């Protein structure tokens, strides 16, 4: 069953619209129809090369020195090989035939083009699609606090407030002395008018 919506979300972007779900539920379908399962949503999804109108490969790998025509042929060969494997795995006889033909084809290719031995680094570079630098410099990470509560970074205003508090603590405040009854910078213990004890 195929349901359509006026939003045309599936037709334009390939995403099933939320309005399709009630329609499929009312049809009492327990599974999503295969029409809505695109290749990109499947587990066995493979990356295929995309070409523009002129046949030039999009998202070209800069490390690949092949010309666009060669890249297109390479892409078509990979896609055809994948289709043949998927088709041949349905029966043992078909898989046997495909394997035998590939061995014969491999022998013919070895006669035409001798196999090039790649070093381990060249093999990695061809797999990664970029060159591996000869010297790798990794700087040590900056020290970071990984434990404890992170304290707020204090700004200019906070520092001024702290300094003002310290100044206020150091400054002596005048108060009333009980002995001389005057507001001065002393108290009854160290009053100058205090009579010395005998």
N, C-alpha and C. Protein backbone atom coordinates (compact mmCIF):
# COMPACT_ATOMS: atom_id res chain seq x y z
N UNK A 1 0.85 -1.19 0.00
CA UNK A 1 0.00 0.00 0.00
C UNK A 1 0.89 1.25 0.00
N UNK A 2 0.52 2.23 -0.80
CA UNK A 2 1.26 3.48 -0.89
C UNK A 2 0.30 4.62 -0.56
N UNK A 3 0.65 5.42 0.44
CA UNK A 3 -0.18 6.57 0.82
C UNK A 3 0.56 7.84 0.40
N UNK A 4 -0.21 8.85 0.04
CA UNK A 4 0.40 10.13 -0.36
C UNK A 4 -0.13 11.24 0.53
N UNK A 5 0.64 12.30 0.64
CA UNK A 5 0.27 13.46 1.46
C UNK A 5 0.50 14.71 0.63
N UNK A 6 -0.28 15.74 0.89
CA UNK A 6 -0.14 16.99 0.13
C UNK A 6 1.18 17.70 0.43
N UNK A 7 1.81 17.37 1.56
CA UNK A 7 3.10 17.97 1.88
C UNK A 7 4.20 17.47 0.95
N UNK A 8 4.01 16.28 0.36
CA UNK A 8 4.98 15.69 -0.58
C UNK A 8 6.38 15.59 0.04
N UNK A 9 6.44 15.30 1.34
CA UNK A 9 7.74 15.24 2.02
C UNK A 9 8.54 14.02 1.57
N UNK A 10 7.85 12.89 1.39
CA UNK A 10 8.56 11.68 0.96
C UNK A 10 9.02 11.81 -0.49
N UNK A 11 8.19 12.40 -1.33
CA UNK A 11 8.52 12.53 -2.75
C UNK A 11 9.67 13.51 -2.97
N UNK A 12 9.77 14.55 -2.13
CA UNK A 12 10.82 15.56 -2.32
C UNK A 12 12.10 15.25 -1.53
N UNK A 13 11.95 14.85 -0.25
CA UNK A 13 13.13 14.64 0.61
C UNK A 13 13.38 13.18 0.96
N UNK A 14 12.44 12.30 0.65
CA UNK A 14 12.62 10.88 0.97
C UNK A 14 12.34 10.54 2.41
N UNK A 15 11.63 11.43 3.14
CA UNK A 15 11.28 11.18 4.54
C UNK A 15 9.77 11.00 4.63
N UNK A 16 9.30 9.87 5.17
CA UNK A 16 7.84 9.68 5.28
C UNK A 16 7.23 10.75 6.18
N UNK A 17 6.14 11.37 5.71
CA UNK A 17 5.48 12.44 6.45
C UNK A 17 4.70 11.86 7.63
N UNK A 18 4.51 12.64 8.68
CA UNK A 18 3.80 12.15 9.87
C UNK A 18 2.33 11.91 9.59
N UNK A 19 1.80 12.51 8.51
CA UNK A 19 0.39 12.30 8.18
C UNK A 19 0.14 10.93 7.56
N UNK A 20 1.22 10.26 7.10
CA UNK A 20 1.05 8.94 6.50
C UNK A 20 0.82 7.86 7.55
N UNK A 21 1.32 8.08 8.76
CA UNK A 21 1.25 7.04 9.80
C UNK A 21 -0.20 6.72 10.17
N UNK A 22 -1.08 7.71 10.42
CA UNK A 22 -2.48 7.35 10.72
C UNK A 22 -3.17 6.61 9.58
N UNK A 23 -2.81 6.95 8.33
CA UNK A 23 -3.41 6.26 7.18
C UNK A 23 -2.98 4.80 7.16
N UNK A 24 -1.69 4.56 7.42
CA UNK A 24 -1.18 3.18 7.44
C UNK A 24 -1.74 2.41 8.63
N UNK A 25 -1.95 3.09 9.76
CA UNK A 25 -2.56 2.43 10.93
C UNK A 25 -4.00 2.05 10.65
N UNK A 26 -4.73 2.95 9.98
CA UNK A 26 -6.14 2.65 9.69
C UNK A 26 -6.26 1.49 8.71
N UNK A 27 -5.21 1.28 7.88
CA UNK A 27 -5.20 0.13 6.98
C UNK A 27 -4.73 -1.13 7.70
N UNK A 28 -4.47 -1.01 9.02
CA UNK A 28 -4.06 -2.12 9.90
C UNK A 28 -2.78 -2.80 9.40
N UNK A 29 -1.81 -1.97 9.03
CA UNK A 29 -0.50 -2.49 8.63
C UNK A 29 0.42 -2.45 9.84
N UNK A 30 1.02 -3.60 10.16
CA UNK A 30 1.91 -3.66 11.32
C UNK A 30 3.35 -3.28 10.95
N UNK A 31 3.68 -3.32 9.66
CA UNK A 31 5.02 -2.97 9.21
C UNK A 31 4.94 -1.87 8.16
N UNK A 32 6.01 -1.10 8.07
CA UNK A 32 6.09 -0.05 7.07
C UNK A 32 6.27 -0.70 5.70
N UNK A 33 5.50 -0.30 4.68
CA UNK A 33 5.65 -0.91 3.35
C UNK A 33 7.06 -0.70 2.79
N UNK A 34 7.51 -1.63 1.95
CA UNK A 34 8.86 -1.58 1.38
C UNK A 34 9.08 -0.35 0.51
N UNK A 35 8.01 0.24 0.04
CA UNK A 35 8.11 1.44 -0.79
C UNK A 35 8.78 2.58 -0.01
N UNK A 36 8.53 2.63 1.30
CA UNK A 36 9.07 3.71 2.13
C UNK A 36 10.46 3.40 2.68
N UNK A 37 10.94 2.17 2.51
CA UNK A 37 12.27 1.81 3.01
C UNK A 37 13.30 2.08 1.91
N UNK A 38 13.87 3.25 1.94
CA UNK A 38 14.89 3.60 0.96
C UNK A 38 16.21 2.95 1.33
N UNK A 39 17.12 2.91 0.37
CA UNK A 39 18.40 2.24 0.60
C UNK A 39 19.20 2.91 1.71
N UNK A 40 19.07 4.22 1.86
CA UNK A 40 19.86 4.93 2.88
C UNK A 40 19.41 4.61 4.29
N UNK A 41 18.18 4.06 4.47
CA UNK A 41 17.70 3.70 5.79
C UNK A 41 18.05 2.27 6.16
N UNK A 42 18.57 1.49 5.21
CA UNK A 42 18.82 0.08 5.46
C UNK A 42 20.20 -0.16 6.03
N UNK A 43 20.35 -1.30 6.70
CA UNK A 43 21.61 -1.64 7.34
C UNK A 43 22.69 -1.95 6.30
N UNK A 44 22.28 -2.53 5.15
CA UNK A 44 23.25 -2.92 4.12
C UNK A 44 23.49 -1.80 3.10
N UNK A 45 23.28 -0.56 3.52
CA UNK A 45 23.45 0.59 2.63
C UNK A 45 24.93 0.74 2.26
N UNK A 46 25.19 0.93 0.99
CA UNK A 46 26.55 1.12 0.50
C UNK A 46 26.67 2.51 -0.11
N UNK A 47 27.83 3.08 0.03
CA UNK A 47 28.07 4.41 -0.55
C UNK A 47 28.31 4.25 -2.05
N UNK A 48 27.52 4.94 -2.84
CA UNK A 48 27.69 4.91 -4.29
C UNK A 48 28.18 6.28 -4.75
N UNK A 49 28.96 6.28 -5.81
CA UNK A 49 29.50 7.52 -6.33
C UNK A 49 28.42 8.27 -7.10
N UNK A 50 28.43 9.58 -6.98
CA UNK A 50 27.44 10.43 -7.64
C UNK A 50 28.16 11.27 -8.68
N UNK A 51 27.60 11.28 -9.91
CA UNK A 51 28.19 12.06 -11.00
C UNK A 51 27.24 13.17 -11.40
N UNK A 52 27.81 14.26 -11.89
CA UNK A 52 26.96 15.35 -12.39
C UNK A 52 26.57 15.07 -13.84
N UNK A 53 25.93 16.06 -14.51
CA UNK A 53 25.43 15.86 -15.87
C UNK A 53 26.56 15.58 -16.86
N UNK A 54 27.77 16.10 -16.60
CA UNK A 54 28.90 15.88 -17.50
C UNK A 54 29.65 14.58 -17.20
N UNK A 55 29.20 13.83 -16.20
CA UNK A 55 29.86 12.58 -15.85
C UNK A 55 31.07 12.75 -14.97
N UNK A 56 31.21 13.91 -14.32
CA UNK A 56 32.34 14.16 -13.42
C UNK A 56 31.93 13.78 -12.01
N UNK A 57 32.81 13.08 -11.33
CA UNK A 57 32.53 12.59 -9.98
C UNK A 57 32.42 13.75 -9.01
N UNK A 58 31.33 13.76 -8.26
CA UNK A 58 31.15 14.76 -7.21
C UNK A 58 31.85 14.28 -5.96
N UNK A 59 32.23 15.21 -5.07
CA UNK A 59 33.00 14.90 -3.85
C UNK A 59 34.26 14.13 -4.22
N UNK A 60 35.01 14.69 -5.16
CA UNK A 60 36.19 14.02 -5.68
C UNK A 60 37.27 13.92 -4.62
N UNK A 61 37.91 12.77 -4.57
CA UNK A 61 39.01 12.55 -3.63
C UNK A 61 40.26 13.21 -4.21
N UNK A 62 40.84 14.15 -3.48
CA UNK A 62 41.98 14.92 -4.00
C UNK A 62 43.22 14.05 -4.17
N UNK A 63 43.35 12.97 -3.38
CA UNK A 63 44.54 12.13 -3.48
C UNK A 63 44.48 11.20 -4.68
N UNK A 64 43.29 11.05 -5.30
CA UNK A 64 43.14 10.16 -6.43
C UNK A 64 43.54 10.90 -7.70
N UNK A 65 44.54 10.37 -8.41
CA UNK A 65 45.05 11.06 -9.59
C UNK A 65 44.35 10.62 -10.87
N UNK A 66 43.35 9.71 -10.79
CA UNK A 66 42.67 9.24 -11.99
C UNK A 66 41.87 10.38 -12.61
N UNK A 67 41.76 10.33 -13.95
CA UNK A 67 40.94 11.33 -14.63
C UNK A 67 39.46 10.99 -14.43
N UNK A 68 38.56 11.94 -14.68
CA UNK A 68 37.13 11.71 -14.43
C UNK A 68 36.54 10.52 -15.18
N UNK A 69 37.01 10.26 -16.41
CA UNK A 69 36.49 9.13 -17.20
C UNK A 69 36.86 7.82 -16.51
N UNK A 70 38.11 7.73 -16.05
CA UNK A 70 38.57 6.52 -15.35
C UNK A 70 37.81 6.34 -14.05
N UNK A 71 37.56 7.42 -13.34
CA UNK A 71 36.82 7.34 -12.08
C UNK A 71 35.39 6.86 -12.32
N UNK A 72 34.78 7.33 -13.40
CA UNK A 72 33.41 6.90 -13.71
C UNK A 72 33.38 5.42 -14.03
N UNK A 73 34.37 4.94 -14.82
CA UNK A 73 34.42 3.51 -15.15
C UNK A 73 34.65 2.68 -13.89
N UNK A 74 35.51 3.18 -13.01
CA UNK A 74 35.79 2.48 -11.75
C UNK A 74 34.53 2.38 -10.89
N UNK A 75 33.78 3.47 -10.83
CA UNK A 75 32.54 3.49 -10.06
C UNK A 75 31.51 2.53 -10.64
N UNK A 76 31.38 2.53 -11.98
CA UNK A 76 30.42 1.62 -12.63
C UNK A 76 30.82 0.17 -12.41
N UNK A 77 32.14 -0.12 -12.46
CA UNK A 77 32.61 -1.49 -12.24
C UNK A 77 32.30 -1.95 -10.81
N UNK A 78 32.53 -1.05 -9.83
CA UNK A 78 32.23 -1.40 -8.42
C UNK A 78 30.74 -1.65 -8.22
N UNK A 79 29.92 -0.79 -8.79
CA UNK A 79 28.47 -0.95 -8.65
C UNK A 79 27.99 -2.23 -9.32
N UNK A 80 28.54 -2.54 -10.51
CA UNK A 80 28.14 -3.76 -11.23
C UNK A 80 28.58 -5.00 -10.45
N UNK A 81 29.78 -4.96 -9.87
CA UNK A 81 30.28 -6.09 -9.09
C UNK A 81 29.41 -6.34 -7.88
N UNK A 82 29.00 -5.27 -7.24
CA UNK A 82 28.13 -5.40 -6.07
C UNK A 82 26.78 -6.02 -6.44
N UNK A 83 26.22 -5.58 -7.57
CA UNK A 83 24.95 -6.15 -8.04
C UNK A 83 25.08 -7.63 -8.35
N UNK A 84 26.21 -8.00 -9.01
CA UNK A 84 26.43 -9.41 -9.35
C UNK A 84 26.54 -10.28 -8.10
N UNK A 85 27.23 -9.79 -7.08
CA UNK A 85 27.37 -10.56 -5.84
C UNK A 85 26.03 -10.73 -5.16
N UNK A 86 25.24 -9.66 -5.10
CA UNK A 86 23.91 -9.76 -4.48
C UNK A 86 23.01 -10.72 -5.25
N UNK A 87 23.16 -10.76 -6.58
CA UNK A 87 22.34 -11.66 -7.39
C UNK A 87 22.83 -13.09 -7.26
N UNK A 88 24.16 -13.29 -7.22
CA UNK A 88 24.72 -14.64 -7.21
C UNK A 88 24.58 -15.33 -5.86
N UNK A 89 24.42 -14.58 -4.79
CA UNK A 89 24.35 -15.22 -3.47
C UNK A 89 23.02 -15.95 -3.24
N UNK A 90 22.11 -15.85 -4.21
CA UNK A 90 20.82 -16.55 -4.08
C UNK A 90 20.99 -18.06 -4.23
N UNK A 91 22.00 -18.49 -5.00
CA UNK A 91 22.21 -19.94 -5.16
C UNK A 91 23.70 -20.25 -5.15
N UNK A 92 24.02 -21.48 -4.75
CA UNK A 92 25.42 -21.90 -4.65
C UNK A 92 26.05 -22.03 -6.03
N UNK A 93 25.27 -22.51 -7.02
CA UNK A 93 25.80 -22.70 -8.38
C UNK A 93 26.17 -21.35 -9.00
N UNK A 94 25.31 -20.34 -8.79
CA UNK A 94 25.59 -19.01 -9.34
C UNK A 94 26.83 -18.41 -8.68
N UNK A 95 26.99 -18.63 -7.39
CA UNK A 95 28.16 -18.10 -6.68
C UNK A 95 29.43 -18.78 -7.16
N UNK A 96 29.34 -20.10 -7.40
CA UNK A 96 30.49 -20.86 -7.92
C UNK A 96 30.90 -20.33 -9.30
N UNK A 97 29.89 -20.09 -10.16
CA UNK A 97 30.16 -19.56 -11.51
C UNK A 97 30.82 -18.18 -11.43
N UNK A 98 30.31 -17.33 -10.57
CA UNK A 98 30.87 -15.99 -10.42
C UNK A 98 32.31 -16.06 -9.93
N UNK A 99 32.58 -16.93 -8.97
CA UNK A 99 33.94 -17.05 -8.44
C UNK A 99 34.91 -17.54 -9.50
N UNK A 100 34.49 -18.57 -10.27
CA UNK A 100 35.36 -19.12 -11.32
C UNK A 100 35.66 -18.07 -12.39
N UNK A 101 34.63 -17.33 -12.78
CA UNK A 101 34.82 -16.29 -13.80
C UNK A 101 35.73 -15.17 -13.30
N UNK A 102 35.62 -14.86 -12.01
CA UNK A 102 36.49 -13.82 -11.44
C UNK A 102 37.95 -14.27 -11.41
N UNK A 103 38.18 -15.56 -11.15
CA UNK A 103 39.55 -16.08 -11.16
C UNK A 103 40.14 -15.98 -12.56
N UNK A 104 39.33 -16.36 -13.58
CA UNK A 104 39.79 -16.28 -14.98
C UNK A 104 40.06 -14.82 -15.35
N UNK A 105 39.14 -13.93 -14.96
CA UNK A 105 39.30 -12.51 -15.24
C UNK A 105 40.55 -11.95 -14.56
N UNK A 106 40.81 -12.40 -13.32
CA UNK A 106 42.00 -11.96 -12.60
C UNK A 106 43.28 -12.39 -13.30
N UNK A 107 43.30 -13.61 -13.85
CA UNK A 107 44.48 -14.08 -14.58
C UNK A 107 44.73 -13.23 -15.83
N UNK A 108 43.64 -12.90 -16.55
CA UNK A 108 43.77 -12.06 -17.76
C UNK A 108 44.31 -10.68 -17.40
N UNK A 109 43.80 -10.12 -16.28
CA UNK A 109 44.27 -8.79 -15.87
C UNK A 109 45.74 -8.81 -15.45
N UNK A 110 46.19 -9.90 -14.81
CA UNK A 110 47.59 -10.01 -14.42
C UNK A 110 48.51 -10.06 -15.63
N UNK A 111 48.03 -10.66 -16.74
CA UNK A 111 48.82 -10.69 -17.97
C UNK A 111 48.90 -9.29 -18.59
N UNK A 112 47.77 -8.55 -18.53
CA UNK A 112 47.75 -7.21 -19.13
C UNK A 112 48.54 -6.21 -18.29
N UNK A 113 48.24 -6.16 -16.99
CA UNK A 113 48.86 -5.19 -16.09
C UNK A 113 49.46 -5.94 -14.91
N UNK A 114 50.80 -5.90 -14.74
CA UNK A 114 51.39 -6.59 -13.59
C UNK A 114 50.94 -5.95 -12.27
N UNK A 115 50.74 -6.79 -11.27
CA UNK A 115 50.25 -6.29 -9.97
C UNK A 115 51.36 -5.51 -9.26
N UNK A 116 51.01 -4.34 -8.78
CA UNK A 116 51.98 -3.47 -8.11
C UNK A 116 51.95 -3.77 -6.61
N UNK A 117 53.13 -4.01 -6.05
CA UNK A 117 53.24 -4.27 -4.62
C UNK A 117 53.25 -2.94 -3.87
N UNK A 118 52.32 -2.78 -2.95
CA UNK A 118 52.25 -1.56 -2.14
C UNK A 118 52.85 -1.80 -0.77
N UNK A 119 53.58 -0.81 -0.28
CA UNK A 119 54.07 -0.91 1.09
C UNK A 119 52.90 -0.69 2.05
N UNK A 120 53.13 -0.97 3.31
CA UNK A 120 52.05 -0.85 4.29
C UNK A 120 51.56 0.60 4.40
N UNK A 121 52.50 1.54 4.34
CA UNK A 121 52.13 2.97 4.44
C UNK A 121 51.33 3.39 3.21
N UNK A 122 51.77 2.95 2.01
CA UNK A 122 51.03 3.27 0.78
C UNK A 122 49.64 2.66 0.80
N UNK A 123 49.55 1.46 1.36
CA UNK A 123 48.24 0.80 1.46
C UNK A 123 47.30 1.59 2.38
N UNK A 124 47.83 2.05 3.51
CA UNK A 124 47.03 2.87 4.43
C UNK A 124 46.61 4.18 3.77
N UNK A 125 47.56 4.80 3.06
CA UNK A 125 47.25 6.07 2.40
C UNK A 125 46.18 5.91 1.33
N UNK A 126 46.24 4.82 0.57
CA UNK A 126 45.21 4.59 -0.45
C UNK A 126 43.86 4.29 0.19
N UNK A 127 43.89 3.63 1.35
CA UNK A 127 42.63 3.33 2.06
C UNK A 127 42.03 4.60 2.67
N UNK A 128 42.89 5.43 3.29
CA UNK A 128 42.41 6.65 3.93
C UNK A 128 42.07 7.74 2.93
N UNK A 129 42.75 7.74 1.80
CA UNK A 129 42.50 8.78 0.80
C UNK A 129 43.30 10.05 1.06
N UNK A 130 44.32 9.98 1.91
CA UNK A 130 45.18 11.13 2.18
C UNK A 130 46.56 10.62 2.57
N UNK A 131 47.54 11.52 2.51
CA UNK A 131 48.91 11.12 2.83
C UNK A 131 49.15 11.21 4.34
N UNK A 132 49.98 10.30 4.84
CA UNK A 132 50.32 10.28 6.27
C UNK A 132 51.58 11.11 6.46
N UNK A 133 51.58 12.09 7.37
CA UNK A 133 52.77 12.93 7.57
C UNK A 133 53.92 12.12 8.17
N UNK A 134 55.15 12.50 7.79
CA UNK A 134 56.32 11.77 8.28
C UNK A 134 56.58 12.04 9.75
N UNK A 135 56.31 13.27 10.21
CA UNK A 135 56.52 13.62 11.61
C UNK A 135 55.23 14.19 12.17
N UNK A 136 54.78 13.62 13.27
CA UNK A 136 53.53 14.06 13.90
C UNK A 136 53.88 14.77 15.20
N UNK A 137 53.47 16.01 15.30
CA UNK A 137 53.73 16.79 16.51
C UNK A 137 52.43 16.97 17.27
N UNK A 138 52.40 16.42 18.47
CA UNK A 138 51.21 16.56 19.32
C UNK A 138 51.62 17.35 20.55
N UNK A 139 51.00 18.48 20.74
CA UNK A 139 51.31 19.32 21.89
C UNK A 139 50.59 18.79 23.13
N UNK A 140 51.22 18.93 24.32
CA UNK A 140 50.54 18.47 25.54
C UNK A 140 49.29 19.32 25.79
N UNK A 141 48.26 18.71 26.35
CA UNK A 141 47.03 19.48 26.59
C UNK A 141 47.21 20.50 27.70
N UNK A 142 46.41 21.54 27.66
CA UNK A 142 46.43 22.54 28.73
C UNK A 142 45.88 21.92 30.01
N UNK A 143 46.43 22.36 31.16
CA UNK A 143 45.95 21.84 32.44
C UNK A 143 44.52 22.28 32.67
N UNK A 144 43.70 21.32 33.03
CA UNK A 144 42.29 21.62 33.31
C UNK A 144 41.91 21.01 34.64
N UNK A 145 41.00 21.69 35.33
CA UNK A 145 40.48 21.15 36.58
C UNK A 145 39.47 20.08 36.24
N UNK A 146 39.73 18.87 36.70
CA UNK A 146 38.79 17.79 36.41
C UNK A 146 38.00 17.38 37.65
N UNK A 147 38.38 17.91 38.81
CA UNK A 147 37.67 17.54 40.04
C UNK A 147 37.27 18.79 40.80
N UNK A 148 36.24 18.66 41.59
CA UNK A 148 35.81 19.76 42.44
C UNK A 148 34.89 20.74 41.74
N UNK A 149 34.34 21.64 42.53
CA UNK A 149 33.42 22.64 42.01
C UNK A 149 34.20 23.70 41.24
N UNK A 150 33.72 24.03 40.06
CA UNK A 150 34.38 25.06 39.27
C UNK A 150 34.01 26.42 39.84
N UNK A 151 35.02 27.20 40.21
CA UNK A 151 34.77 28.51 40.79
C UNK A 151 34.54 29.52 39.69
N UNK A 152 33.73 30.51 40.02
CA UNK A 152 33.41 31.56 39.06
C UNK A 152 34.65 32.43 38.83
N UNK A 153 34.87 32.81 37.60
CA UNK A 153 36.00 33.69 37.28
C UNK A 153 35.68 35.09 37.80
N UNK A 154 36.57 35.61 38.64
CA UNK A 154 36.31 36.91 39.26
C UNK A 154 36.72 38.03 38.33
N UNK A 155 35.85 39.01 38.24
CA UNK A 155 36.10 40.17 37.38
C UNK A 155 36.70 41.32 38.15
N UNK A 156 36.79 42.46 37.49
CA UNK A 156 37.41 43.66 38.06
C UNK A 156 36.62 44.18 39.25
N UNK A 157 35.29 44.17 39.16
CA UNK A 157 34.44 44.68 40.25
C UNK A 157 34.58 43.84 41.52
N UNK A 158 34.68 42.51 41.35
CA UNK A 158 34.82 41.62 42.51
C UNK A 158 36.11 41.90 43.27
N UNK A 159 37.18 42.17 42.53
CA UNK A 159 38.47 42.44 43.17
C UNK A 159 38.42 43.74 43.97
N UNK A 160 37.75 44.75 43.43
CA UNK A 160 37.62 46.04 44.15
C UNK A 160 36.85 45.86 45.45
N UNK A 161 35.77 45.09 45.41
CA UNK A 161 34.97 44.86 46.62
C UNK A 161 35.80 44.18 47.70
N UNK A 162 36.61 43.20 47.28
CA UNK A 162 37.43 42.48 48.25
C UNK A 162 38.46 43.42 48.89
N UNK A 163 39.06 44.29 48.08
CA UNK A 163 40.04 45.24 48.60
C UNK A 163 39.39 46.24 49.55
N UNK A 164 38.18 46.68 49.22
CA UNK A 164 37.46 47.61 50.11
C UNK A 164 37.17 46.97 51.46
N UNK A 165 36.81 45.68 51.46
CA UNK A 165 36.54 44.98 52.72
C UNK A 165 37.80 44.93 53.58
N UNK A 166 38.95 44.64 52.94
CA UNK A 166 40.21 44.58 53.68
C UNK A 166 40.55 45.95 54.27
N UNK A 167 40.33 47.01 53.48
CA UNK A 167 40.60 48.37 53.96
C UNK A 167 39.73 48.71 55.16
N UNK A 168 38.46 48.34 55.09
CA UNK A 168 37.54 48.64 56.19
C UNK A 168 37.95 47.91 57.46
N UNK A 169 38.46 46.68 57.31
CA UNK A 169 38.89 45.94 58.49
C UNK A 169 40.10 46.62 59.14
N UNK A 170 41.01 47.14 58.32
CA UNK A 170 42.22 47.77 58.84
C UNK A 170 41.93 49.13 59.47
N UNK A 171 40.97 49.86 58.93
CA UNK A 171 40.65 51.19 59.46
C UNK A 171 40.01 51.08 60.84
N UNK A 172 40.46 51.93 61.75
CA UNK A 172 39.87 51.95 63.10
C UNK A 172 38.66 52.87 63.10
N UNK A 173 37.61 52.40 63.71
CA UNK A 173 36.36 53.17 63.77
C UNK A 173 36.28 53.86 65.13
N UNK A 174 36.02 55.17 65.16
CA UNK A 174 35.90 55.84 66.47
C UNK A 174 34.65 55.37 67.22
N UNK A 175 34.77 55.22 68.55
CA UNK A 175 33.64 54.81 69.38
C UNK A 175 33.67 55.52 70.74
N UNK A 176 32.54 55.43 71.45
CA UNK A 176 32.40 56.14 72.73
C UNK A 176 33.11 55.37 73.84
N UNK A 177 33.98 56.06 74.51
CA UNK A 177 34.70 55.48 75.65
C UNK A 177 33.83 55.61 76.90
N UNK A 178 33.76 54.55 77.72
CA UNK A 178 32.93 54.57 78.93
C UNK A 178 33.58 55.38 80.07
N UNK A 179 34.88 55.52 80.01
CA UNK A 179 35.58 56.25 81.08
C UNK A 179 35.48 57.77 80.88
N UNK A 180 35.89 58.21 79.66
CA UNK A 180 35.91 59.66 79.42
C UNK A 180 34.67 60.17 78.71
N UNK A 181 33.78 59.30 78.30
CA UNK A 181 32.50 59.64 77.65
C UNK A 181 32.68 60.44 76.36
N UNK A 182 33.78 60.23 75.67
CA UNK A 182 34.03 60.91 74.40
C UNK A 182 34.11 59.88 73.27
N UNK A 183 33.79 60.35 72.05
CA UNK A 183 33.90 59.47 70.87
C UNK A 183 35.33 59.61 70.36
N UNK A 184 36.12 58.58 70.58
CA UNK A 184 37.54 58.61 70.23
C UNK A 184 37.95 57.25 69.66
N UNK A 185 39.25 57.15 69.32
CA UNK A 185 39.76 55.89 68.77
C UNK A 185 40.31 54.99 69.88
N UNK A 186 39.72 55.04 71.04
CA UNK A 186 40.13 54.13 72.12
C UNK A 186 38.88 53.68 72.87
N UNK A 187 39.07 52.72 73.77
CA UNK A 187 37.96 52.25 74.60
C UNK A 187 38.36 52.34 76.07
N UNK A 188 37.54 51.78 76.95
CA UNK A 188 37.78 51.92 78.40
C UNK A 188 39.04 51.21 78.85
N UNK A 189 39.52 50.22 78.12
CA UNK A 189 40.71 49.48 78.53
C UNK A 189 41.99 50.28 78.32
N UNK A 190 42.04 51.03 77.21
CA UNK A 190 43.27 51.80 76.94
C UNK A 190 43.01 53.31 76.90
N UNK A 191 42.10 53.76 77.73
CA UNK A 191 41.78 55.19 77.82
C UNK A 191 42.95 55.94 78.48
N UNK A 192 43.35 57.09 77.93
CA UNK A 192 44.45 57.83 78.55
C UNK A 192 44.08 58.42 79.91
N UNK A 193 42.78 58.61 80.14
CA UNK A 193 42.33 59.15 81.43
C UNK A 193 42.13 58.06 82.48
N UNK A 194 42.42 56.86 82.12
CA UNK A 194 42.22 55.75 83.05
C UNK A 194 43.25 55.84 84.18
N UNK A 195 42.75 55.63 85.36
CA UNK A 195 43.65 55.69 86.52
C UNK A 195 44.48 54.41 86.59
N UNK A 196 45.78 54.54 86.77
CA UNK A 196 46.61 53.32 86.86
C UNK A 196 46.31 52.53 88.13
N UNK A 197 46.32 51.24 88.02
CA UNK A 197 46.03 50.38 89.19
C UNK A 197 47.27 50.29 90.07
N UNK A 198 47.02 50.21 91.39
CA UNK A 198 48.14 50.16 92.33
C UNK A 198 48.35 48.77 92.85
